[in-house]
Amino acid sequence: MIAPAEPHHSEAATRTILIVDDDRSVADTFARMLKLEGFGVVTALSADAGLAAAQAAPPDAIILDMRMPITNGLQFLRQVRAVSSLTDIPVAIVTGDYFLAEPIQHELRSLGASIRFKPLWLEDLIALAKTLVNMRPA
C-alpha cells in the first residue's frame, strides 16, 4: 500500500494568521495568498475588530498595517501586548511609510514587532508568515 503524499503546504497547516489592515483590497489579497499556502486566515479592517478577533481566538501571528484611521498599528500593538493571552504572538508591521521616525521604529521593535515595507511580494509575504508562525511558542 502506498502512503498518501504529504500536502505541499503542510508546514502552514492549522496555523492562523490575523491580518489587520483598513484597506480591504490589501487584506483580501494577503488573505488569498496565505490561504493558497495553507494558512488559516482571519482579516480585520480596523484595529478594534482586530483586537476583538485576536481575543476571541488568538492567532499564531499577526500581520498589521501601520497607517490606519482612529487606532494606528503602534497603538494596536500596545493594546495587544497589554492582553496577557496575546503577549507572545509574533507581529509584523507592514507599511508603505519608508520614513518612520526612529523612536517609533524603536518602540515597535521593543514591543516585539518586525517591520516590513510595502510592496510585499508573494514570496516575501509567504516567507514572513512562515517566520512569524515558527516564532510562536508551541
C-alpha atoms as a PDB file:
ATOM      1  CA  MET A   1       0.000   0.000   0.000  1.00  0.00           C
ATOM      2  CA  ILE A   2       1.279   3.455  -0.896  1.00  0.00           C
ATOM      3  CA  ALA A   3       1.053   6.149   1.747  1.00  0.00           C
ATOM      4  CA  PRO A   4      -0.751   9.307   0.676  1.00  0.00           C
ATOM      5  CA  ALA A   5       1.526  12.120  -0.375  1.00  0.00           C
ATOM      6  CA  GLU A   6       2.168  14.856   2.153  1.00  0.00           C
ATOM      7  CA  PRO A   7       0.251  18.030   1.367  1.00  0.00           C
ATOM      8  CA  HIS A   8       2.522  20.552  -0.327  1.00  0.00           C
ATOM      9  CA  HIS A   9       1.909  23.156   2.359  1.00  0.00           C
ATOM     10  CA  SER A  10       1.840  21.002   5.484  1.00  0.00           C
ATOM     11  CA  GLU A  11       4.138  23.336   7.446  1.00  0.00           C
ATOM     12  CA  ALA A  12       1.436  26.030   7.346  1.00  0.00           C
ATOM     13  CA  ALA A  13      -1.439  23.672   8.133  1.00  0.00           C
ATOM     14  CA  THR A  14      -3.585  24.748  11.082  1.00  0.00           C
ATOM     15  CA  ARG A  15      -1.541  27.920  11.610  1.00  0.00           C
ATOM     16  CA  THR A  16      -3.727  31.015  11.698  1.00  0.00           C
ATOM     17  CA  ILE A  17      -2.643  34.496  10.751  1.00  0.00           C
ATOM     18  CA  LEU A  18      -4.635  37.602  11.611  1.00  0.00           C
ATOM     19  CA  ILE A  19      -4.344  40.368   9.028  1.00  0.00           C
ATOM     20  CA  VAL A  20      -5.282  43.830  10.308  1.00  0.00           C
ATOM     21  CA  ASP A  21      -5.432  46.402   7.513  1.00  0.00           C
ATOM     22  CA  ASP A  22      -8.012  49.108   6.818  1.00  0.00           C
ATOM     23  CA  ASP A  23      -7.519  48.664   3.064  1.00  0.00           C
ATOM     24  CA  ARG A  24      -9.883  45.840   2.108  1.00  0.00           C
ATOM     25  CA  SER A  25      -8.024  45.093  -1.133  1.00  0.00           C
ATOM     26  CA  VAL A  26      -4.726  44.616   0.742  1.00  0.00           C
ATOM     27  CA  ALA A  27      -6.359  42.476   3.435  1.00  0.00           C
ATOM     28  CA  ASP A  28      -8.146  40.354   0.820  1.00  0.00           C
ATOM     29  CA  THR A  29      -5.024  39.955  -1.340  1.00  0.00           C
ATOM     30  CA  PHE A  30      -2.839  38.953   1.616  1.00  0.00           C
ATOM     31  CA  ALA A  31      -5.560  36.553   2.793  1.00  0.00           C
ATOM     32  CA  ARG A  32      -5.864  34.887  -0.619  1.00  0.00           C
ATOM     33  CA  MET A  33      -2.112  34.450  -0.951  1.00  0.00           C
ATOM     34  CA  LEU A  34      -1.750  32.988   2.536  1.00  0.00           C
ATOM     35  CA  LYS A  35      -4.740  30.666   2.134  1.00  0.00           C
ATOM     36  CA  LEU A  36      -3.169  29.285  -1.044  1.00  0.00           C
ATOM     37  CA  GLU A  37      -0.157  28.369   1.092  1.00  0.00           C
ATOM     38  CA  GLY A  38      -2.379  26.513   3.544  1.00  0.00           C
ATOM     39  CA  PHE A  39      -2.613  29.065   6.349  1.00  0.00           C
ATOM     40  CA  GLY A  40      -5.826  29.790   8.173  1.00  0.00           C
ATOM     41  CA  VAL A  41      -6.527  33.498   7.812  1.00  0.00           C
ATOM     42  CA  VAL A  42      -8.720  35.960   9.690  1.00  0.00           C
ATOM     43  CA  THR A  43      -8.968  39.533   8.440  1.00  0.00           C
ATOM     44  CA  ALA A  44      -9.965  42.685  10.286  1.00  0.00           C
ATOM     45  CA  LEU A  45     -10.448  46.083   8.672  1.00  0.00           C
ATOM     46  CA  SER A  46      -9.856  48.089  11.859  1.00  0.00           C
ATOM     47  CA  ALA A  47      -7.731  47.865  14.965  1.00  0.00           C
ATOM     48  CA  ASP A  48     -10.833  47.394  17.139  1.00  0.00           C
ATOM     49  CA  ALA A  49     -12.038  44.481  15.011  1.00  0.00           C
ATOM     50  CA  GLY A  50      -8.515  43.032  15.008  1.00  0.00           C
ATOM     51  CA  LEU A  51      -8.230  43.187  18.786  1.00  0.00           C
ATOM     52  CA  ALA A  52     -11.652  41.561  19.201  1.00  0.00           C
ATOM     53  CA  ALA A  53     -10.715  38.788  16.747  1.00  0.00           C
ATOM     54  CA  ALA A  54      -7.367  38.176  18.475  1.00  0.00           C
ATOM     55  CA  GLN A  55      -9.013  37.971  21.896  1.00  0.00           C
ATOM     56  CA  ALA A  56     -11.774  35.660  20.650  1.00  0.00           C
ATOM     57  CA  ALA A  57      -9.326  33.215  19.032  1.00  0.00           C
ATOM     58  CA  PRO A  58      -5.640  34.061  19.487  1.00  0.00           C
ATOM     59  CA  PRO A  59      -3.856  33.665  16.135  1.00  0.00           C
ATOM     60  CA  ASP A  60      -0.390  32.206  15.624  1.00  0.00           C
ATOM     61  CA  ALA A  61       0.789  35.513  14.141  1.00  0.00           C
ATOM     62  CA  ILE A  62      -0.439  38.989  13.226  1.00  0.00           C
ATOM     63  CA  ILE A  63       0.370  40.975  10.091  1.00  0.00           C
ATOM     64  CA  LEU A  64      -0.537  44.578  10.772  1.00  0.00           C
ATOM     65  CA  ASP A  65      -0.794  47.789   8.767  1.00  0.00           C
ATOM     66  CA  MET A  66       0.865  50.784  10.401  1.00  0.00           C
ATOM     67  CA  ARG A  67      -1.305  53.570   8.969  1.00  0.00           C
ATOM     68  CA  MET A  68      -4.928  53.070   9.950  1.00  0.00           C
ATOM     69  CA  PRO A  69      -7.538  55.646  10.992  1.00  0.00           C
ATOM     70  CA  ILE A  70      -8.544  56.038  14.641  1.00  0.00           C
ATOM     71  CA  THR A  71      -6.106  53.439  16.042  1.00  0.00           C
ATOM     72  CA  ASN A  72      -2.815  53.044  14.178  1.00  0.00           C
ATOM     73  CA  GLY A  73      -0.561  49.990  14.124  1.00  0.00           C
ATOM     74  CA  LEU A  74       1.576  51.107  17.050  1.00  0.00           C
ATOM     75  CA  GLN A  75      -1.461  51.813  19.231  1.00  0.00           C
ATOM     76  CA  PHE A  76      -2.931  48.434  18.247  1.00  0.00           C
ATOM     77  CA  LEU A  77       0.321  46.691  19.112  1.00  0.00           C
ATOM     78  CA  ARG A  78       0.355  48.372  22.543  1.00  0.00           C
ATOM     79  CA  GLN A  79      -3.201  47.082  23.121  1.00  0.00           C
ATOM     80  CA  VAL A  80      -2.273  43.557  22.025  1.00  0.00           C
ATOM     81  CA  ARG A  81       0.745  43.471  24.333  1.00  0.00           C
ATOM     82  CA  ALA A  82      -1.455  44.596  27.249  1.00  0.00           C
ATOM     83  CA  VAL A  83      -3.599  41.425  26.954  1.00  0.00           C
ATOM     84  CA  SER A  84      -1.920  38.540  28.764  1.00  0.00           C
ATOM     85  CA  SER A  85      -3.124  35.870  26.325  1.00  0.00           C
ATOM     86  CA  LEU A  86      -1.687  37.813  23.365  1.00  0.00           C
ATOM     87  CA  THR A  87       1.731  38.903  24.645  1.00  0.00           C
ATOM     88  CA  ASP A  88       3.702  36.158  22.882  1.00  0.00           C
ATOM     89  CA  ILE A  89       2.042  36.415  19.455  1.00  0.00           C
ATOM     90  CA  PRO A  90       4.587  37.335  16.772  1.00  0.00           C
ATOM     91  CA  VAL A  91       3.652  40.549  14.963  1.00  0.00           C
ATOM     92  CA  ALA A  92       4.923  42.121  11.751  1.00  0.00           C
ATOM     93  CA  ILE A  93       4.117  45.703  10.863  1.00  0.00           C
ATOM     94  CA  VAL A  94       3.723  46.172   7.109  1.00  0.00           C
ATOM     95  CA  THR A  95       3.824  49.771   5.956  1.00  0.00           C
ATOM     96  CA  GLY A  96       4.347  51.886   2.892  1.00  0.00           C
ATOM     97  CA  ASP A  97       5.878  54.611   5.070  1.00  0.00           C
ATOM     98  CA  TYR A  98       9.620  54.397   4.447  1.00  0.00           C
ATOM     99  CA  PHE A  99      10.237  57.335   6.760  1.00  0.00           C
ATOM    100  CA  LEU A 100       9.022  56.001  10.101  1.00  0.00           C
ATOM    101  CA  ALA A 101      10.626  58.052  12.845  1.00  0.00           C
ATOM    102  CA  GLU A 102      13.399  56.227  14.692  1.00  0.00           C
ATOM    103  CA  PRO A 103      11.613  56.434  18.085  1.00  0.00           C
ATOM    104  CA  ILE A 104       8.536  54.781  16.539  1.00  0.00           C
ATOM    105  CA  GLN A 105      10.653  52.045  14.938  1.00  0.00           C
ATOM    106  CA  HIS A 106      12.397  51.506  18.267  1.00  0.00           C
ATOM    107  CA  GLU A 107       9.108  51.194  20.155  1.00  0.00           C
ATOM    108  CA  LEU A 108       7.679  48.798  17.562  1.00  0.00           C
ATOM    109  CA  ARG A 109      10.736  46.581  17.906  1.00  0.00           C
ATOM    110  CA  SER A 110      10.725  46.830  21.711  1.00  0.00           C
ATOM    111  CA  LEU A 111       7.121  45.580  21.595  1.00  0.00           C
ATOM    112  CA  GLY A 112       8.350  42.576  19.620  1.00  0.00           C
ATOM    113  CA  ALA A 113       7.271  43.556  16.119  1.00  0.00           C
ATOM    114  CA  SER A 114       9.306  43.253  12.973  1.00  0.00           C
ATOM    115  CA  ILE A 115       8.889  45.914  10.286  1.00  0.00           C
ATOM    116  CA  ARG A 116       8.406  45.226   6.564  1.00  0.00           C
ATOM    117  CA  PHE A 117       7.787  47.706   3.785  1.00  0.00           C
ATOM    118  CA  LYS A 118       5.195  47.615   1.002  1.00  0.00           C
ATOM    119  CA  PRO A 119       5.012  46.457  -1.642  1.00  0.00           C
ATOM    120  CA  LEU A 120       5.305  42.974  -0.219  1.00  0.00           C
ATOM    121  CA  TRP A 121       5.690  40.410  -2.992  1.00  0.00           C
ATOM    122  CA  LEU A 122       4.158  36.942  -2.761  1.00  0.00           C
ATOM    123  CA  GLU A 123       7.448  35.249  -1.853  1.00  0.00           C
ATOM    124  CA  ASP A 124       8.148  37.887   0.813  1.00  0.00           C
ATOM    125  CA  LEU A 125       4.681  37.546   2.345  1.00  0.00           C
ATOM    126  CA  ILE A 126       4.903  33.748   2.487  1.00  0.00           C
ATOM    127  CA  ALA A 127       8.410  33.867   3.979  1.00  0.00           C
ATOM    128  CA  LEU A 128       7.245  36.430   6.545  1.00  0.00           C
ATOM    129  CA  ALA A 129       4.217  34.319   7.503  1.00  0.00           C
ATOM    130  CA  LYS A 130       6.343  31.188   7.913  1.00  0.00           C
ATOM    131  CA  THR A 131       8.913  33.057  10.003  1.00  0.00           C
ATOM    132  CA  LEU A 132       6.214  34.522  12.248  1.00  0.00           C
ATOM    133  CA  VAL A 133       4.366  31.259  12.924  1.00  0.00           C
ATOM    134  CA  ASN A 134       7.662  29.490  13.645  1.00  0.00           C
ATOM    135  CA  MET A 135       8.427  32.131  16.305  1.00  0.00           C
ATOM    136  CA  ARG A 136       5.242  31.281  18.216  1.00  0.00           C
ATOM    137  CA  PRO A 137       5.857  29.029  21.218  1.00  0.00           C
ATOM    138  CA  ALA A 138       4.184  25.657  20.755  1.00  0.00           C
END
